[in-house]
Amino acid sequence: MNGIDKVAGRIVSDAQQEASALKAEARARAAELKDSADRHASELRQTLLAEGDAEAEKLYSLLVASAETDARKETLQVKQDLLSEAFDRAVLYLRNLDEERYVLLLASLARKASETGSEEIILNPADRAKYGEALMKTLKESGCALTLAEETRPIIGGLILSQGRIEVNCALDTLAELHRSELSGEAARLLFG
């Protein structure tokens, strides 16, 4: 049995050596695979980080461009609001002129807008009561034959010239709106430099 034990011992010893060699080879292969996987993971991580940075930069640029556009829109809206307020204040200024200057303004508007000299002047109720006689006196002194209508209109100030179905609107707010486009550039330059 001694010979069998030796053979069995040798088989076991060879098997152990082979198992040790296989384990060492498996460990080496596992280490090699782990290193390869680590390298691949590191490369993938770097790629994903670079792509993420590029996407973040792109998103940042889009957000900045959007914010700049919004800021320009808001600035433009504020400027338009300020221009509207300036025109509103100009109308209010004209509306609040002293009596003499306001009557001269009305007379000038009436003379310039008159085509035939036979139109009727329509005022708002307050202006008709307060300035109607003075306006007619001023126009008569300048040789203008316009007449003051009994009719009144709810306009802010200024007047409307009427002859039959034809009317020329010289209300202050209407005139300001009509001249707004030609005056807006100059007003914007004065307001915003």
N, C-alpha and C. Protein backbone atom coordinates (compact mmCIF):
# COMPACT_ATOMS: atom_id res chain seq x y z
N MET A 1 0.78 -1.17 0.00
CA MET A 1 0.00 0.00 0.00
C MET A 1 0.84 1.25 0.00
N ASN A 2 1.98 0.99 0.32
CA ASN A 2 2.92 2.06 0.38
C ASN A 2 3.12 2.69 -1.00
N GLY A 3 3.15 1.89 -1.99
CA GLY A 3 3.31 2.38 -3.35
C GLY A 3 2.07 3.15 -3.78
N ILE A 4 0.89 2.67 -3.35
CA ILE A 4 -0.36 3.34 -3.70
C ILE A 4 -0.40 4.67 -2.97
N ASP A 5 0.05 4.66 -1.75
CA ASP A 5 0.04 5.91 -1.00
C ASP A 5 0.97 6.93 -1.64
N LYS A 6 2.09 6.44 -2.14
CA LYS A 6 3.02 7.35 -2.79
C LYS A 6 2.40 7.90 -4.07
N VAL A 7 1.77 7.05 -4.84
CA VAL A 7 1.15 7.48 -6.10
C VAL A 7 0.02 8.46 -5.77
N ALA A 8 -0.79 8.08 -4.77
CA ALA A 8 -1.91 8.94 -4.38
C ALA A 8 -1.36 10.27 -3.86
N GLY A 9 -0.30 10.21 -3.08
CA GLY A 9 0.29 11.43 -2.55
C GLY A 9 0.82 12.31 -3.67
N ARG A 10 1.43 11.63 -4.68
CA ARG A 10 1.96 12.40 -5.79
C ARG A 10 0.81 13.02 -6.60
N ILE A 11 -0.27 12.27 -6.79
CA ILE A 11 -1.43 12.78 -7.53
C ILE A 11 -2.00 13.98 -6.79
N VAL A 12 -2.12 13.82 -5.46
CA VAL A 12 -2.66 14.91 -4.65
C VAL A 12 -1.71 16.10 -4.73
N SER A 13 -0.41 15.86 -4.64
CA SER A 13 0.58 16.93 -4.68
C SER A 13 0.54 17.62 -6.05
N ASP A 14 0.47 16.82 -7.12
CA ASP A 14 0.39 17.41 -8.47
C ASP A 14 -0.90 18.23 -8.61
N ALA A 15 -1.98 17.67 -8.08
CA ALA A 15 -3.26 18.36 -8.17
C ALA A 15 -3.20 19.67 -7.39
N GLN A 16 -2.55 19.64 -6.23
CA GLN A 16 -2.43 20.87 -5.42
C GLN A 16 -1.56 21.90 -6.14
N GLN A 17 -0.49 21.43 -6.76
CA GLN A 17 0.36 22.35 -7.51
C GLN A 17 -0.40 22.95 -8.70
N GLU A 18 -1.14 22.04 -9.38
CA GLU A 18 -1.92 22.51 -10.52
C GLU A 18 -3.00 23.47 -10.06
N ALA A 19 -3.64 23.17 -8.92
CA ALA A 19 -4.68 24.05 -8.39
C ALA A 19 -4.07 25.38 -7.99
N SER A 20 -2.87 25.34 -7.38
CA SER A 20 -2.19 26.58 -6.99
C SER A 20 -1.83 27.40 -8.23
N ALA A 21 -1.37 26.72 -9.26
CA ALA A 21 -1.01 27.41 -10.50
C ALA A 21 -2.26 28.02 -11.14
N LEU A 22 -3.36 27.21 -11.14
CA LEU A 22 -4.62 27.73 -11.69
C LEU A 22 -5.13 28.92 -10.87
N LYS A 23 -5.00 28.81 -9.53
CA LYS A 23 -5.42 29.94 -8.68
C LYS A 23 -4.58 31.17 -8.98
N ALA A 24 -3.28 30.98 -9.10
CA ALA A 24 -2.38 32.11 -9.38
C ALA A 24 -2.72 32.71 -10.74
N GLU A 25 -2.97 31.82 -11.71
CA GLU A 25 -3.32 32.29 -13.05
C GLU A 25 -4.67 33.02 -13.01
N ALA A 26 -5.63 32.47 -12.25
CA ALA A 26 -6.95 33.11 -12.13
C ALA A 26 -6.82 34.46 -11.43
N ARG A 27 -5.98 34.50 -10.38
CA ARG A 27 -5.77 35.77 -9.68
C ARG A 27 -5.13 36.80 -10.63
N ALA A 28 -4.16 36.36 -11.39
CA ALA A 28 -3.48 37.26 -12.33
C ALA A 28 -4.47 37.75 -13.39
N ARG A 29 -5.29 36.80 -13.89
CA ARG A 29 -6.29 37.18 -14.90
C ARG A 29 -7.32 38.12 -14.29
N ALA A 30 -7.73 37.85 -13.03
CA ALA A 30 -8.70 38.71 -12.35
C ALA A 30 -8.11 40.10 -12.14
N ALA A 31 -6.84 40.15 -11.74
CA ALA A 31 -6.17 41.44 -11.54
C ALA A 31 -6.07 42.19 -12.87
N GLU A 32 -5.74 41.43 -13.92
CA GLU A 32 -5.65 42.03 -15.25
C GLU A 32 -7.02 42.58 -15.69
N LEU A 33 -8.09 41.80 -15.48
CA LEU A 33 -9.44 42.23 -15.83
C LEU A 33 -9.85 43.45 -14.98
N LYS A 34 -9.49 43.40 -13.69
CA LYS A 34 -9.82 44.52 -12.81
C LYS A 34 -9.10 45.78 -13.27
N ASP A 35 -7.82 45.67 -13.61
CA ASP A 35 -7.06 46.83 -14.10
C ASP A 35 -7.68 47.37 -15.40
N SER A 36 -8.04 46.46 -16.28
CA SER A 36 -8.66 46.86 -17.54
C SER A 36 -10.00 47.55 -17.28
N ALA A 37 -10.80 46.98 -16.38
CA ALA A 37 -12.10 47.57 -16.03
C ALA A 37 -11.90 48.93 -15.37
N ASP A 38 -10.90 49.05 -14.49
CA ASP A 38 -10.61 50.33 -13.83
C ASP A 38 -10.20 51.38 -14.86
N ARG A 39 -9.33 50.97 -15.82
CA ARG A 39 -8.92 51.90 -16.87
C ARG A 39 -10.12 52.33 -17.71
N HIS A 40 -10.94 51.35 -18.07
CA HIS A 40 -12.14 51.64 -18.87
C HIS A 40 -13.09 52.56 -18.08
N ALA A 41 -13.28 52.28 -16.81
CA ALA A 41 -14.16 53.11 -15.97
C ALA A 41 -13.60 54.53 -15.85
N SER A 42 -12.28 54.64 -15.69
CA SER A 42 -11.65 55.95 -15.59
C SER A 42 -11.80 56.73 -16.90
N GLU A 43 -11.58 56.04 -18.02
CA GLU A 43 -11.75 56.69 -19.32
C GLU A 43 -13.21 57.11 -19.53
N LEU A 44 -14.13 56.22 -19.17
CA LEU A 44 -15.56 56.52 -19.29
C LEU A 44 -15.94 57.69 -18.39
N ARG A 45 -15.39 57.69 -17.18
CA ARG A 45 -15.65 58.79 -16.24
C ARG A 45 -15.16 60.12 -16.82
N GLN A 46 -13.94 60.11 -17.37
CA GLN A 46 -13.38 61.33 -17.97
C GLN A 46 -14.23 61.79 -19.17
N THR A 47 -14.65 60.84 -19.98
CA THR A 47 -15.49 61.16 -21.13
C THR A 47 -16.81 61.77 -20.67
N LEU A 48 -17.44 61.13 -19.68
CA LEU A 48 -18.73 61.62 -19.18
C LEU A 48 -18.57 62.99 -18.52
N LEU A 49 -17.48 63.18 -17.78
CA LEU A 49 -17.23 64.49 -17.17
C LEU A 49 -17.03 65.57 -18.24
N ALA A 50 -16.27 65.23 -19.27
CA ALA A 50 -16.04 66.19 -20.35
C ALA A 50 -17.35 66.52 -21.07
N GLU A 51 -18.16 65.48 -21.34
CA GLU A 51 -19.46 65.72 -21.98
C GLU A 51 -20.36 66.55 -21.07
N GLY A 52 -20.33 66.23 -19.76
CA GLY A 52 -21.13 66.99 -18.80
C GLY A 52 -20.69 68.45 -18.74
N ASP A 53 -19.37 68.67 -18.75
CA ASP A 53 -18.85 70.04 -18.75
C ASP A 53 -19.29 70.78 -20.02
N ALA A 54 -19.21 70.08 -21.16
CA ALA A 54 -19.61 70.71 -22.42
C ALA A 54 -21.11 71.04 -22.40
N GLU A 55 -21.92 70.12 -21.89
CA GLU A 55 -23.37 70.37 -21.80
C GLU A 55 -23.65 71.52 -20.83
N ALA A 56 -22.94 71.54 -19.71
CA ALA A 56 -23.14 72.61 -18.72
C ALA A 56 -22.75 73.96 -19.34
N GLU A 57 -21.65 73.99 -20.09
CA GLU A 57 -21.21 75.23 -20.75
C GLU A 57 -22.24 75.68 -21.78
N LYS A 58 -22.77 74.72 -22.53
CA LYS A 58 -23.79 75.03 -23.54
C LYS A 58 -25.05 75.57 -22.85
N LEU A 59 -25.48 74.91 -21.79
CA LEU A 59 -26.66 75.34 -21.04
C LEU A 59 -26.43 76.72 -20.44
N TYR A 60 -25.25 76.94 -19.89
CA TYR A 60 -24.91 78.24 -19.32
C TYR A 60 -24.99 79.33 -20.38
N SER A 61 -24.43 79.05 -21.56
CA SER A 61 -24.48 80.03 -22.66
C SER A 61 -25.91 80.33 -23.07
N LEU A 62 -26.74 79.30 -23.14
CA LEU A 62 -28.15 79.50 -23.49
C LEU A 62 -28.86 80.33 -22.43
N LEU A 63 -28.59 80.04 -21.16
CA LEU A 63 -29.22 80.78 -20.08
C LEU A 63 -28.78 82.25 -20.08
N VAL A 64 -27.50 82.48 -20.32
CA VAL A 64 -26.99 83.85 -20.38
C VAL A 64 -27.63 84.60 -21.55
N ALA A 65 -27.70 83.95 -22.71
CA ALA A 65 -28.31 84.58 -23.88
C ALA A 65 -29.78 84.89 -23.62
N SER A 66 -30.47 83.96 -22.99
CA SER A 66 -31.88 84.17 -22.66
C SER A 66 -32.05 85.32 -21.67
N ALA A 67 -31.19 85.35 -20.67
CA ALA A 67 -31.26 86.43 -19.68
C ALA A 67 -30.97 87.79 -20.32
N GLU A 68 -29.99 87.82 -21.23
CA GLU A 68 -29.67 89.07 -21.92
C GLU A 68 -30.83 89.52 -22.79
N THR A 69 -31.47 88.57 -23.47
CA THR A 69 -32.65 88.90 -24.29
C THR A 69 -33.77 89.44 -23.42
N ASP A 70 -34.02 88.77 -22.29
CA ASP A 70 -35.07 89.23 -21.37
C ASP A 70 -34.75 90.62 -20.83
N ALA A 71 -33.48 90.85 -20.51
CA ALA A 71 -33.07 92.16 -19.99
C ALA A 71 -33.28 93.25 -21.05
N ARG A 72 -32.94 92.93 -22.31
CA ARG A 72 -33.15 93.90 -23.40
C ARG A 72 -34.64 94.19 -23.58
N LYS A 73 -35.46 93.13 -23.50
CA LYS A 73 -36.91 93.32 -23.63
C LYS A 73 -37.44 94.20 -22.50
N GLU A 74 -36.99 93.91 -21.28
CA GLU A 74 -37.45 94.71 -20.13
C GLU A 74 -36.99 96.16 -20.25
N THR A 75 -35.75 96.35 -20.67
CA THR A 75 -35.23 97.71 -20.84
C THR A 75 -36.03 98.45 -21.91
N LEU A 76 -36.31 97.78 -23.01
CA LEU A 76 -37.11 98.39 -24.07
C LEU A 76 -38.50 98.74 -23.56
N GLN A 77 -39.11 97.83 -22.78
CA GLN A 77 -40.45 98.10 -22.25
C GLN A 77 -40.42 99.31 -21.31
N VAL A 78 -39.39 99.39 -20.47
CA VAL A 78 -39.28 100.53 -19.56
C VAL A 78 -39.11 101.82 -20.36
N LYS A 79 -38.29 101.78 -21.41
CA LYS A 79 -38.10 102.98 -22.24
C LYS A 79 -39.41 103.37 -22.92
N GLN A 80 -40.14 102.39 -23.43
CA GLN A 80 -41.43 102.69 -24.07
C GLN A 80 -42.41 103.27 -23.05
N ASP A 81 -42.41 102.71 -21.84
CA ASP A 81 -43.29 103.23 -20.79
C ASP A 81 -42.91 104.67 -20.44
N LEU A 82 -41.61 104.94 -20.36
CA LEU A 82 -41.16 106.30 -20.05
C LEU A 82 -41.51 107.27 -21.18
N LEU A 83 -41.38 106.82 -22.42
CA LEU A 83 -41.77 107.67 -23.55
C LEU A 83 -43.27 107.96 -23.51
N SER A 84 -44.06 106.94 -23.21
CA SER A 84 -45.51 107.14 -23.10
C SER A 84 -45.82 108.14 -22.00
N GLU A 85 -45.13 107.99 -20.89
CA GLU A 85 -45.34 108.93 -19.78
C GLU A 85 -44.93 110.35 -20.18
N ALA A 86 -43.84 110.46 -20.93
CA ALA A 86 -43.39 111.79 -21.38
C ALA A 86 -44.45 112.42 -22.29
N PHE A 87 -45.01 111.64 -23.19
CA PHE A 87 -46.06 112.18 -24.07
C PHE A 87 -47.31 112.53 -23.27
N ASP A 88 -47.66 111.67 -22.31
CA ASP A 88 -48.82 111.97 -21.45
C ASP A 88 -48.60 113.27 -20.67
N ARG A 89 -47.39 113.44 -20.18
CA ARG A 89 -47.08 114.67 -19.43
C ARG A 89 -47.09 115.89 -20.34
N ALA A 90 -46.66 115.72 -21.58
CA ALA A 90 -46.70 116.84 -22.53
C ALA A 90 -48.14 117.27 -22.78
N VAL A 91 -49.03 116.29 -22.94
CA VAL A 91 -50.46 116.61 -23.14
C VAL A 91 -50.99 117.31 -21.90
N LEU A 92 -50.64 116.80 -20.72
CA LEU A 92 -51.09 117.41 -19.47
C LEU A 92 -50.54 118.83 -19.33
N TYR A 93 -49.29 119.03 -19.72
CA TYR A 93 -48.69 120.37 -19.68
C TYR A 93 -49.48 121.33 -20.56
N LEU A 94 -49.77 120.90 -21.80
CA LEU A 94 -50.54 121.76 -22.71
C LEU A 94 -51.94 122.01 -22.16
N ARG A 95 -52.51 120.99 -21.59
CA ARG A 95 -53.86 121.11 -21.04
C ARG A 95 -53.91 122.10 -19.87
N ASN A 96 -52.80 122.24 -19.16
CA ASN A 96 -52.76 123.09 -17.97
C ASN A 96 -52.07 124.44 -18.22
N LEU A 97 -51.95 124.83 -19.49
CA LEU A 97 -51.42 126.16 -19.77
C LEU A 97 -52.34 127.22 -19.16
N ASP A 98 -51.77 128.40 -18.91
CA ASP A 98 -52.65 129.47 -18.40
C ASP A 98 -53.65 129.82 -19.50
N GLU A 99 -54.72 130.53 -19.13
CA GLU A 99 -55.84 130.78 -20.04
C GLU A 99 -55.39 131.44 -21.35
N GLU A 100 -54.59 132.46 -21.25
CA GLU A 100 -54.17 133.18 -22.46
C GLU A 100 -53.42 132.27 -23.42
N ARG A 101 -52.46 131.53 -22.90
CA ARG A 101 -51.65 130.65 -23.75
C ARG A 101 -52.50 129.49 -24.30
N TYR A 102 -53.41 128.97 -23.49
CA TYR A 102 -54.25 127.86 -23.94
C TYR A 102 -55.19 128.33 -25.06
N VAL A 103 -55.76 129.52 -24.91
CA VAL A 103 -56.64 130.07 -25.96
C VAL A 103 -55.84 130.29 -27.24
N LEU A 104 -54.61 130.80 -27.13
CA LEU A 104 -53.76 130.98 -28.31
C LEU A 104 -53.45 129.63 -28.97
N LEU A 105 -53.22 128.60 -28.16
CA LEU A 105 -52.97 127.26 -28.68
C LEU A 105 -54.20 126.76 -29.45
N LEU A 106 -55.38 126.90 -28.84
CA LEU A 106 -56.62 126.46 -29.51
C LEU A 106 -56.84 127.21 -30.82
N ALA A 107 -56.62 128.51 -30.79
CA ALA A 107 -56.80 129.33 -32.00
C ALA A 107 -55.83 128.89 -33.09
N SER A 108 -54.59 128.64 -32.71
CA SER A 108 -53.59 128.20 -33.68
C SER A 108 -53.98 126.85 -34.28
N LEU A 109 -54.41 125.92 -33.44
CA LEU A 109 -54.86 124.61 -33.93
C LEU A 109 -56.02 124.77 -34.90
N ALA A 110 -56.98 125.62 -34.55
CA ALA A 110 -58.16 125.81 -35.40
C ALA A 110 -57.78 126.40 -36.75
N ARG A 111 -56.94 127.43 -36.74
CA ARG A 111 -56.54 128.07 -38.01
C ARG A 111 -55.77 127.09 -38.90
N LYS A 112 -54.85 126.33 -38.32
CA LYS A 112 -54.03 125.41 -39.11
C LYS A 112 -54.85 124.26 -39.67
N ALA A 113 -55.86 123.80 -38.93
CA ALA A 113 -56.65 122.65 -39.38
C ALA A 113 -57.79 123.04 -40.30
N SER A 114 -58.15 124.31 -40.32
CA SER A 114 -59.29 124.75 -41.13
C SER A 114 -58.97 124.68 -42.61
N GLU A 115 -59.88 124.08 -43.36
CA GLU A 115 -59.73 123.99 -44.81
C GLU A 115 -60.57 125.06 -45.52
N THR A 116 -61.78 125.28 -45.00
CA THR A 116 -62.71 126.18 -45.69
C THR A 116 -62.95 127.48 -44.94
N GLY A 117 -62.64 127.51 -43.68
CA GLY A 117 -62.90 128.69 -42.86
C GLY A 117 -64.33 128.75 -42.35
N SER A 118 -65.14 127.74 -42.71
CA SER A 118 -66.53 127.75 -42.26
C SER A 118 -66.84 126.57 -41.34
N GLU A 119 -65.84 125.92 -40.83
CA GLU A 119 -66.06 124.79 -39.93
C GLU A 119 -66.53 125.26 -38.55
N GLU A 120 -67.06 124.31 -37.80
CA GLU A 120 -67.45 124.57 -36.41
C GLU A 120 -66.38 123.97 -35.50
N ILE A 121 -66.16 124.68 -34.40
CA ILE A 121 -65.18 124.21 -33.42
C ILE A 121 -65.93 123.49 -32.31
N ILE A 122 -65.54 122.24 -32.06
CA ILE A 122 -66.13 121.45 -30.98
C ILE A 122 -65.09 121.33 -29.88
N LEU A 123 -65.44 121.70 -28.66
CA LEU A 123 -64.56 121.61 -27.49
C LEU A 123 -65.15 120.61 -26.49
N ASN A 124 -64.40 120.32 -25.44
CA ASN A 124 -65.00 119.55 -24.35
C ASN A 124 -65.88 120.51 -23.54
N PRO A 125 -66.80 120.00 -22.73
CA PRO A 125 -67.73 120.87 -22.01
C PRO A 125 -67.05 121.94 -21.15
N ALA A 126 -66.01 121.57 -20.41
CA ALA A 126 -65.33 122.53 -19.53
C ALA A 126 -64.64 123.62 -20.34
N ASP A 127 -63.93 123.23 -21.40
CA ASP A 127 -63.23 124.22 -22.24
C ASP A 127 -64.23 125.15 -22.93
N ARG A 128 -65.35 124.61 -23.38
CA ARG A 128 -66.35 125.46 -24.05
C ARG A 128 -66.84 126.54 -23.09
N ALA A 129 -67.15 126.11 -21.85
CA ALA A 129 -67.66 127.07 -20.87
C ALA A 129 -66.58 128.08 -20.47
N LYS A 130 -65.36 127.63 -20.28
CA LYS A 130 -64.31 128.49 -19.75
C LYS A 130 -63.61 129.32 -20.82
N TYR A 131 -63.36 128.73 -22.01
CA TYR A 131 -62.54 129.40 -23.01
C TYR A 131 -63.28 129.73 -24.31
N GLY A 132 -64.49 129.29 -24.47
CA GLY A 132 -65.21 129.45 -25.73
C GLY A 132 -65.27 130.88 -26.23
N GLU A 133 -65.69 131.80 -25.38
CA GLU A 133 -65.81 133.21 -25.80
C GLU A 133 -64.44 133.81 -26.14
N ALA A 134 -63.45 133.55 -25.30
CA ALA A 134 -62.11 134.09 -25.55
C ALA A 134 -61.54 133.53 -26.85
N LEU A 135 -61.79 132.27 -27.12
CA LEU A 135 -61.31 131.65 -28.36
C LEU A 135 -61.96 132.32 -29.57
N MET A 136 -63.26 132.50 -29.51
CA MET A 136 -63.94 133.10 -30.64
C MET A 136 -63.49 134.55 -30.86
N LYS A 137 -63.25 135.28 -29.77
CA LYS A 137 -62.75 136.66 -29.88
C LYS A 137 -61.37 136.67 -30.54
N THR A 138 -60.49 135.77 -30.10
CA THR A 138 -59.13 135.70 -30.66
C THR A 138 -59.18 135.35 -32.15
N LEU A 139 -60.03 134.40 -32.52
CA LEU A 139 -60.15 134.02 -33.93
C LEU A 139 -60.72 135.15 -34.77
N LYS A 140 -61.74 135.85 -34.24
CA LYS A 140 -62.35 136.96 -34.97
C LYS A 140 -61.34 138.07 -35.21
N GLU A 141 -60.50 138.34 -34.19
CA GLU A 141 -59.48 139.38 -34.32
C GLU A 141 -58.46 139.04 -35.39
N SER A 142 -58.26 137.74 -35.63
CA SER A 142 -57.29 137.34 -36.66
C SER A 142 -57.96 137.15 -38.02
N GLY A 143 -59.24 137.49 -38.12
CA GLY A 143 -59.93 137.42 -39.39
C GLY A 143 -60.46 136.03 -39.73
N CYS A 144 -60.54 135.16 -38.77
CA CYS A 144 -60.99 133.79 -39.00
C CYS A 144 -62.49 133.70 -38.69
N ALA A 145 -63.27 133.10 -39.59
CA ALA A 145 -64.73 133.06 -39.46
C ALA A 145 -65.26 131.75 -38.92
N LEU A 146 -64.45 131.00 -38.23
CA LEU A 146 -64.93 129.74 -37.65
C LEU A 146 -65.98 130.04 -36.58
N THR A 147 -66.85 129.06 -36.33
CA THR A 147 -67.89 129.25 -35.31
C THR A 147 -67.74 128.21 -34.22
N LEU A 148 -68.27 128.53 -33.06
CA LEU A 148 -68.22 127.62 -31.92
C LEU A 148 -69.49 126.77 -31.92
N ALA A 149 -69.33 125.47 -31.97
CA ALA A 149 -70.47 124.55 -31.99
C ALA A 149 -71.11 124.48 -30.62
N GLU A 150 -72.41 124.23 -30.59
CA GLU A 150 -73.11 123.98 -29.33
C GLU A 150 -72.72 122.60 -28.79
N GLU A 151 -72.44 121.71 -29.71
CA GLU A 151 -72.08 120.35 -29.34
C GLU A 151 -70.72 120.33 -28.62
N THR A 152 -70.57 119.44 -27.66
CA THR A 152 -69.28 119.22 -26.99
C THR A 152 -68.92 117.75 -27.11
N ARG A 153 -67.65 117.45 -26.89
CA ARG A 153 -67.17 116.05 -26.94
C ARG A 153 -66.30 115.78 -25.72
N PRO A 154 -66.23 114.53 -25.31
CA PRO A 154 -65.41 114.18 -24.14
C PRO A 154 -63.94 114.00 -24.50
N ILE A 155 -63.29 115.06 -24.94
CA ILE A 155 -61.86 115.01 -25.27
C ILE A 155 -61.08 115.64 -24.11
N ILE A 156 -59.81 115.29 -23.99
CA ILE A 156 -58.98 115.80 -22.89
C ILE A 156 -58.78 117.31 -23.02
N GLY A 157 -58.50 117.74 -24.19
CA GLY A 157 -58.25 119.15 -24.47
C GLY A 157 -58.03 119.28 -25.96
N GLY A 158 -57.85 120.50 -26.42
CA GLY A 158 -57.74 120.71 -27.85
C GLY A 158 -59.12 120.90 -28.44
N LEU A 159 -59.29 120.53 -29.70
CA LEU A 159 -60.58 120.75 -30.35
C LEU A 159 -60.79 119.79 -31.51
N ILE A 160 -62.01 119.81 -32.01
CA ILE A 160 -62.37 119.06 -33.21
C ILE A 160 -63.03 120.06 -34.15
N LEU A 161 -62.57 120.11 -35.38
CA LEU A 161 -63.21 120.96 -36.40
C LEU A 161 -64.19 120.09 -37.17
N SER A 162 -65.40 120.60 -37.33
CA SER A 162 -66.43 119.81 -37.98
C SER A 162 -67.10 120.62 -39.08
N GLN A 163 -67.32 119.97 -40.22
CA GLN A 163 -68.09 120.57 -41.30
C GLN A 163 -68.89 119.43 -41.91
N GLY A 164 -70.15 119.38 -41.54
CA GLY A 164 -70.99 118.28 -42.00
C GLY A 164 -70.50 116.97 -41.41
N ARG A 165 -70.23 116.03 -42.30
CA ARG A 165 -69.75 114.71 -41.83
C ARG A 165 -68.23 114.62 -41.79
N ILE A 166 -67.56 115.69 -42.10
CA ILE A 166 -66.10 115.70 -42.10
C ILE A 166 -65.61 116.35 -40.81
N GLU A 167 -64.71 115.65 -40.14
CA GLU A 167 -64.14 116.17 -38.90
C GLU A 167 -62.62 116.07 -38.93
N VAL A 168 -62.00 117.07 -38.35
CA VAL A 168 -60.55 117.06 -38.17
C VAL A 168 -60.31 117.05 -36.67
N ASN A 169 -59.70 115.96 -36.19
CA ASN A 169 -59.49 115.78 -34.76
C ASN A 169 -58.18 116.45 -34.34
N CYS A 170 -58.30 117.52 -33.57
CA CYS A 170 -57.14 118.23 -33.04
C CYS A 170 -57.13 118.13 -31.52
N ALA A 171 -57.67 117.02 -31.00
CA ALA A 171 -57.60 116.79 -29.55
C ALA A 171 -56.12 116.61 -29.19
N LEU A 172 -55.73 117.11 -28.03
CA LEU A 172 -54.32 117.09 -27.65
C LEU A 172 -53.74 115.68 -27.63
N ASP A 173 -54.47 114.74 -27.05
CA ASP A 173 -53.96 113.37 -26.99
C ASP A 173 -53.85 112.75 -28.39
N THR A 174 -54.79 113.08 -29.27
CA THR A 174 -54.74 112.58 -30.65
C THR A 174 -53.54 113.16 -31.39
N LEU A 175 -53.31 114.46 -31.23
CA LEU A 175 -52.16 115.09 -31.88
C LEU A 175 -50.84 114.51 -31.36
N ALA A 176 -50.77 114.30 -30.05
CA ALA A 176 -49.56 113.71 -29.47
C ALA A 176 -49.32 112.33 -30.07
N GLU A 177 -50.38 111.54 -30.20
CA GLU A 177 -50.24 110.19 -30.75
C GLU A 177 -49.85 110.24 -32.23
N LEU A 178 -50.42 111.18 -32.98
CA LEU A 178 -50.10 111.31 -34.40
C LEU A 178 -48.63 111.70 -34.61
N HIS A 179 -48.10 112.52 -33.74
CA HIS A 179 -46.72 112.99 -33.89
C HIS A 179 -45.73 112.14 -33.09
N ARG A 180 -46.24 111.14 -32.43
CA ARG A 180 -45.39 110.31 -31.58
C ARG A 180 -44.25 109.67 -32.37
N SER A 181 -44.54 109.08 -33.52
CA SER A 181 -43.49 108.38 -34.27
C SER A 181 -42.38 109.32 -34.70
N GLU A 182 -42.73 110.53 -35.12
CA GLU A 182 -41.68 111.46 -35.56
C GLU A 182 -40.95 112.09 -34.38
N LEU A 183 -41.60 112.16 -33.22
CA LEU A 183 -40.96 112.78 -32.06
C LEU A 183 -40.31 111.77 -31.11
N SER A 184 -40.65 110.49 -31.26
CA SER A 184 -40.13 109.48 -30.34
C SER A 184 -38.61 109.39 -30.36
N GLY A 185 -38.01 109.48 -31.53
CA GLY A 185 -36.55 109.40 -31.62
C GLY A 185 -35.89 110.53 -30.85
N GLU A 186 -36.37 111.74 -31.05
CA GLU A 186 -35.81 112.90 -30.35
C GLU A 186 -36.08 112.81 -28.86
N ALA A 187 -37.29 112.38 -28.49
CA ALA A 187 -37.62 112.25 -27.07
C ALA A 187 -36.74 111.17 -26.42
N ALA A 188 -36.53 110.06 -27.12
CA ALA A 188 -35.68 109.00 -26.59
C ALA A 188 -34.24 109.49 -26.43
N ARG A 189 -33.77 110.26 -27.40
CA ARG A 189 -32.40 110.80 -27.29
C ARG A 189 -32.29 111.71 -26.08
N LEU A 190 -33.30 112.55 -25.86
CA LEU A 190 -33.27 113.45 -24.72
C LEU A 190 -33.38 112.70 -23.39
N LEU A 191 -34.24 111.68 -23.37
CA LEU A 191 -34.46 110.93 -22.13
C LEU A 191 -33.33 109.96 -21.80
N PHE A 192 -32.79 109.29 -22.82
CA PHE A 192 -31.86 108.19 -22.57
C PHE A 192 -30.44 108.45 -23.09
N GLY A 193 -30.23 109.63 -23.66
CA GLY A 193 -28.89 109.99 -24.11
C GLY A 193 -28.50 109.18 -25.25
